[in-house]
Amino acid sequence: MLTLTQELYDKIVAHARQDHPDEACGVVAGPVGTDRPERFIPMLNAARSPTFYEFDSGDLLKLYREMDDRDEEPVIVYHSHTATEAYPSRTDVTYANEPAAHYVLVSTADTDGAGEFQFRSYRIVDGAITEEEVRVVAAY
């Protein structure tokens, strides 16, 4: 199960809506070994595409060095789908290289950036996709 604060949930959704119609992407880091997302890190979609996201390699390297210095790890890796449901694509599964991370997908399809949306979380390990419950709390 993914547990995150209402504040982090709102930030992820706001980023997805802000970048619509392009896919948004980012990371929420947390202390190593805690499975507790704490630090919201929106990233630039280097592909600038409505159907694909890609972290800029330089930004990603900088992020991993920063997380290492802060004894953090990526707890959530998120991105949005702008035209399809919030379910990992084959490409998403291929890029899922953090077996301990929660992969969050926000669908902004059919919302024009303001209406209903889907917020779903998955574990993706060795190509296997497992949806998990999302619990939003006021605070930890």
Protein backbone atom coordinates (compact mmCIF):
# COMPACT_ATOMS: atom_id res chain seq x y z
CA MET A 1 0.00 0.00 0.00
CA LEU A 2 1.15 3.53 -0.79
CA THR A 3 0.58 6.02 2.03
CA LEU A 4 1.14 9.69 1.27
CA THR A 5 0.02 13.02 2.64
CA GLN A 6 -2.79 15.07 1.16
CA GLU A 7 -0.22 17.78 0.42
CA LEU A 8 1.93 15.44 -1.71
CA TYR A 9 -1.14 13.99 -3.43
CA ASP A 10 -2.31 17.51 -4.31
CA LYS A 11 1.14 18.49 -5.63
CA ILE A 12 1.34 15.45 -7.93
CA VAL A 13 -2.16 16.11 -9.30
CA ALA A 14 -1.44 19.84 -9.74
CA HIS A 15 1.75 19.05 -11.67
CA ALA A 16 -0.13 16.63 -13.95
CA ARG A 17 -2.81 19.24 -14.63
CA GLN A 18 -0.27 22.02 -15.13
CA ASP A 19 1.72 20.12 -17.77
CA HIS A 20 -1.38 18.82 -19.60
CA PRO A 21 -1.56 18.17 -22.55
CA ASP A 22 2.06 16.96 -22.17
CA GLU A 23 2.87 14.19 -19.72
CA ALA A 24 4.21 15.38 -16.37
CA CYS A 25 6.83 13.42 -14.43
CA GLY A 26 8.70 13.54 -11.17
CA VAL A 27 9.86 11.84 -8.01
CA VAL A 28 8.93 11.96 -4.35
CA ALA A 29 11.97 11.10 -2.26
CA GLY A 30 12.04 9.80 1.28
CA PRO A 31 14.53 8.58 3.87
CA VAL A 32 16.25 5.34 2.82
CA GLY A 33 14.42 2.26 4.03
CA THR A 34 11.31 4.04 5.35
CA ASP A 35 8.91 3.78 2.37
CA ARG A 36 7.74 7.28 3.43
CA PRO A 37 7.44 9.83 0.62
CA GLU A 38 8.42 13.28 1.87
CA ARG A 39 10.19 15.52 -0.66
CA PHE A 40 8.31 16.42 -3.85
CA ILE A 41 10.60 16.84 -6.88
CA PRO A 42 8.80 17.76 -10.09
CA MET A 43 10.93 17.06 -13.13
CA LEU A 44 10.91 18.40 -16.65
CA ASN A 45 9.59 16.02 -19.28
CA ALA A 46 12.53 16.23 -21.66
CA ALA A 47 10.40 14.61 -24.39
CA ARG A 48 7.73 17.32 -24.06
CA SER A 49 5.20 14.87 -25.40
CA PRO A 50 1.54 14.08 -24.72
CA THR A 51 2.25 10.35 -25.14
CA PHE A 52 5.70 9.81 -23.64
CA TYR A 53 7.84 11.07 -20.78
CA GLU A 54 11.57 11.09 -20.33
CA PHE A 55 13.64 12.44 -17.46
CA ASP A 56 16.48 14.68 -18.63
CA SER A 57 19.62 12.59 -18.04
CA GLY A 58 21.55 15.50 -16.48
CA ASP A 59 18.66 16.38 -14.15
CA LEU A 60 18.30 12.73 -13.18
CA LEU A 61 22.00 12.38 -12.38
CA LYS A 62 21.86 15.54 -10.26
CA LEU A 63 18.76 14.23 -8.47
CA TYR A 64 20.34 10.86 -7.62
CA ARG A 65 23.49 12.56 -6.31
CA GLU A 66 21.35 14.88 -4.19
CA MET A 67 19.28 11.98 -2.82
CA ASP A 68 22.47 10.07 -2.03
CA ASP A 69 23.86 13.08 -0.13
CA ARG A 70 20.60 13.35 1.85
CA ASP A 71 20.29 9.57 2.54
CA GLU A 72 17.12 9.47 0.45
CA GLU A 73 15.73 7.17 -2.20
CA PRO A 74 12.92 7.51 -4.73
CA VAL A 75 9.79 6.35 -2.91
CA ILE A 76 7.38 7.46 -5.65
CA VAL A 77 8.14 7.79 -9.35
CA TYR A 78 5.16 9.47 -10.98
CA HIS A 79 3.97 10.57 -14.37
CA SER A 80 0.73 11.36 -16.10
CA HIS A 81 -1.15 9.86 -18.99
CA THR A 82 -2.97 12.51 -20.98
CA ALA A 83 -5.07 10.35 -23.30
CA THR A 84 -5.31 6.94 -21.63
CA GLU A 85 -6.21 5.43 -18.28
CA ALA A 86 -3.78 5.44 -15.35
CA TYR A 87 -2.26 2.04 -16.12
CA PRO A 88 1.40 1.38 -16.99
CA SER A 89 2.18 1.09 -20.69
CA ARG A 90 4.75 -1.34 -22.05
CA THR A 91 7.21 1.57 -22.19
CA ASP A 92 6.47 2.44 -18.54
CA VAL A 93 7.24 -1.14 -17.52
CA THR A 94 10.49 -1.09 -19.51
CA TYR A 95 11.63 2.07 -17.71
CA ALA A 96 10.60 0.87 -14.23
CA ASN A 97 14.05 0.28 -12.75
CA GLU A 98 13.36 1.01 -9.06
CA PRO A 99 11.90 -2.22 -7.63
CA ALA A 100 11.19 -0.64 -4.22
CA ALA A 101 9.40 2.41 -5.66
CA HIS A 102 5.70 3.06 -5.98
CA TYR A 103 4.88 3.95 -9.59
CA VAL A 104 2.08 6.50 -9.53
CA LEU A 105 0.07 7.30 -12.63
CA VAL A 106 -2.34 10.21 -12.91
CA SER A 107 -4.64 10.23 -15.92
CA THR A 108 -5.74 13.64 -17.14
CA ALA A 109 -7.57 12.12 -20.14
CA ASP A 110 -10.96 13.67 -20.84
CA THR A 111 -10.49 16.28 -18.12
CA ASP A 112 -9.24 19.32 -20.03
CA GLY A 113 -6.97 19.69 -17.03
CA ALA A 114 -9.76 20.53 -14.57
CA GLY A 115 -12.26 17.66 -14.27
CA GLU A 116 -12.14 14.15 -12.86
CA PHE A 117 -8.88 12.22 -12.95
CA GLN A 118 -7.45 8.85 -11.95
CA PHE A 119 -4.67 8.52 -9.36
CA ARG A 120 -3.36 4.94 -9.14
CA SER A 121 -0.23 3.30 -7.77
CA TYR A 122 1.65 0.18 -8.85
CA ARG A 123 4.64 -1.91 -7.96
CA ILE A 124 6.56 -2.94 -11.05
CA VAL A 125 9.18 -5.64 -10.48
CA ASP A 126 10.77 -7.72 -13.24
CA GLY A 127 8.03 -6.69 -15.65
CA ALA A 128 5.19 -7.73 -13.33
CA ILE A 129 2.62 -5.01 -12.59
CA THR A 130 0.75 -5.11 -9.28
CA GLU A 131 -1.77 -2.39 -8.45
CA GLU A 132 -1.82 -1.31 -4.83
CA GLU A 133 -4.15 0.63 -2.58
CA VAL A 134 -3.48 4.36 -2.13
CA ARG A 135 -4.10 5.86 1.30
CA VAL A 136 -4.06 9.63 1.67
CA VAL A 137 -3.46 10.96 5.19
CA ALA A 138 -3.40 14.44 6.69
CA ALA A 139 0.12 13.93 8.09
CA TYR A 140 2.52 11.16 9.09
